[in-house]
Amino acid sequence: MSRTCLVCGMAVVAPVCPKCDSVIADQSDGSTVTVDIAHQGETVRQAMKKLDRSLVSVQQGRAKWLRVIVGSGLIREEAIAHLTSAEFRGDVQQVEMPVANRGQIMVQVKP
């Protein structure tokens, strides 16, 4: 899969840009992707599958953060446990639960 180096703009297939020597996997545009896993009638199991698919998608892209809309019930509790475990394993860099909005979880994805 070809990606564009965010440093020099060259189309790159290799893990390191041959033009500027930047590591492609470490590049991020700093953006945030938002996914709602709790408000379309999902079961807890469906919500966790949606969360996992979203994490993979964001890690393959350029975004730095994934904002997960979880609501305030069982899906929220399961998502917190799921993401805290992912952080412990090193699958994501950081998990934050903003005090101002308990219905979302911010996940800093690994580059």
Protein backbone atom coordinates (compact mmCIF):
# COMPACT_ATOMS: atom_id res chain seq x y z
CA MET A 1 0.00 0.00 0.00
CA SER A 2 1.42 3.34 -1.02
CA ARG A 3 1.35 6.26 1.43
CA THR A 4 2.45 9.84 1.09
CA CYS A 5 5.32 11.03 3.24
CA LEU A 6 4.02 13.91 5.36
CA VAL A 7 7.49 15.48 5.52
CA CYS A 8 8.37 15.72 1.84
CA GLY A 9 5.23 14.63 -0.02
CA MET A 10 6.77 11.68 -1.88
CA ALA A 11 4.64 8.58 -2.54
CA VAL A 12 6.26 5.80 -0.51
CA VAL A 13 5.84 2.03 -0.33
CA ALA A 14 8.87 1.37 1.91
CA PRO A 15 8.87 1.81 5.70
CA VAL A 16 11.35 4.71 5.40
CA CYS A 17 11.02 7.53 2.88
CA PRO A 18 13.90 7.25 0.38
CA LYS A 19 13.87 11.02 -0.19
CA CYS A 20 13.97 12.43 3.37
CA ASP A 21 14.66 9.32 5.52
CA SER A 22 11.50 9.82 7.63
CA VAL A 23 9.94 6.71 9.18
CA ILE A 24 6.51 6.50 7.54
CA ALA A 25 4.82 4.62 10.40
CA ASP A 26 5.76 7.39 12.84
CA GLN A 27 4.04 10.11 10.83
CA SER A 28 0.68 11.52 11.90
CA ASP A 29 -1.30 14.55 10.84
CA GLY A 30 -2.47 15.02 14.45
CA SER A 31 -6.15 14.70 13.59
CA THR A 32 -8.92 12.99 15.55
CA VAL A 33 -11.35 10.42 14.15
CA THR A 34 -14.69 10.05 15.95
CA VAL A 35 -16.71 6.83 16.10
CA ASP A 36 -20.00 6.28 17.94
CA ILE A 37 -20.24 2.69 19.16
CA ALA A 38 -23.24 3.04 21.46
CA HIS A 39 -26.14 4.86 19.87
CA GLN A 40 -27.31 2.74 16.92
CA GLY A 41 -28.77 -0.09 18.98
CA GLU A 42 -25.50 -2.04 19.30
CA THR A 43 -25.11 -4.87 21.75
CA VAL A 44 -21.97 -4.82 23.89
CA ARG A 45 -20.40 -7.44 21.63
CA GLN A 46 -21.23 -5.49 18.46
CA ALA A 47 -19.88 -2.30 20.03
CA MET A 48 -16.55 -3.97 20.90
CA LYS A 49 -16.22 -5.28 17.33
CA LYS A 50 -16.94 -1.79 16.02
CA LEU A 51 -14.31 -0.39 18.41
CA ASP A 52 -11.69 -2.91 17.26
CA ARG A 53 -12.40 -2.18 13.57
CA SER A 54 -12.11 1.54 14.26
CA LEU A 55 -8.79 1.13 16.06
CA VAL A 56 -7.34 -0.84 13.14
CA SER A 57 -8.63 1.70 10.63
CA VAL A 58 -7.19 4.66 12.53
CA GLN A 59 -3.84 2.94 13.08
CA GLN A 60 -3.58 2.34 9.34
CA GLY A 61 -4.38 5.97 8.60
CA ARG A 62 -2.81 9.27 9.62
CA ALA A 63 -4.91 10.30 12.63
CA LYS A 64 -3.32 10.56 16.06
CA TRP A 65 -6.49 10.20 18.15
CA LEU A 66 -9.66 8.15 18.14
CA ARG A 67 -12.64 9.67 19.98
CA VAL A 68 -14.97 6.84 20.98
CA ILE A 69 -18.54 7.85 21.83
CA VAL A 70 -19.69 5.28 24.39
CA GLY A 71 -22.66 6.71 26.25
CA SER A 72 -23.04 5.99 29.95
CA GLY A 73 -24.01 2.34 30.29
CA LEU A 74 -22.62 -1.15 29.81
CA ILE A 75 -20.90 -0.32 26.53
CA ARG A 76 -18.94 2.44 28.27
CA GLU A 77 -17.78 0.12 31.04
CA GLU A 78 -16.74 -2.61 28.60
CA ALA A 79 -14.98 -0.11 26.32
CA ILE A 80 -13.00 1.29 29.26
CA ALA A 81 -11.87 -2.20 30.27
CA HIS A 82 -11.09 -3.13 26.66
CA LEU A 83 -9.05 0.02 25.98
CA THR A 84 -7.27 -0.01 29.34
CA SER A 85 -6.16 -3.55 28.57
CA ALA A 86 -5.00 -2.45 25.09
CA GLU A 87 -2.99 0.35 26.69
CA PHE A 88 -1.41 -2.07 29.17
CA ARG A 89 -0.43 -4.42 26.31
CA GLY A 90 1.03 -1.51 24.34
CA ASP A 91 -1.50 -1.75 21.51
CA VAL A 92 -2.42 1.93 21.99
CA GLN A 93 -0.32 4.73 23.46
CA GLN A 94 -2.77 6.35 25.83
CA VAL A 95 -6.39 6.18 26.97
CA GLU A 96 -8.05 9.26 28.44
CA MET A 97 -11.52 9.63 29.91
CA PRO A 98 -12.37 13.35 29.84
CA VAL A 99 -14.08 14.53 33.03
CA ALA A 100 -16.16 17.08 31.12
CA ASN A 101 -17.76 14.38 28.92
CA ARG A 102 -18.12 10.94 30.50
CA GLY A 103 -19.74 9.63 27.32
CA GLN A 104 -16.50 9.63 25.34
CA ILE A 105 -13.08 8.03 25.57
CA MET A 106 -10.02 9.50 23.86
CA VAL A 107 -7.47 7.00 22.55
CA GLN A 108 -4.05 8.03 21.32
CA VAL A 109 -3.17 5.40 18.74
CA LYS A 110 0.28 4.06 18.11
CA PRO A 111 1.89 5.39 14.93
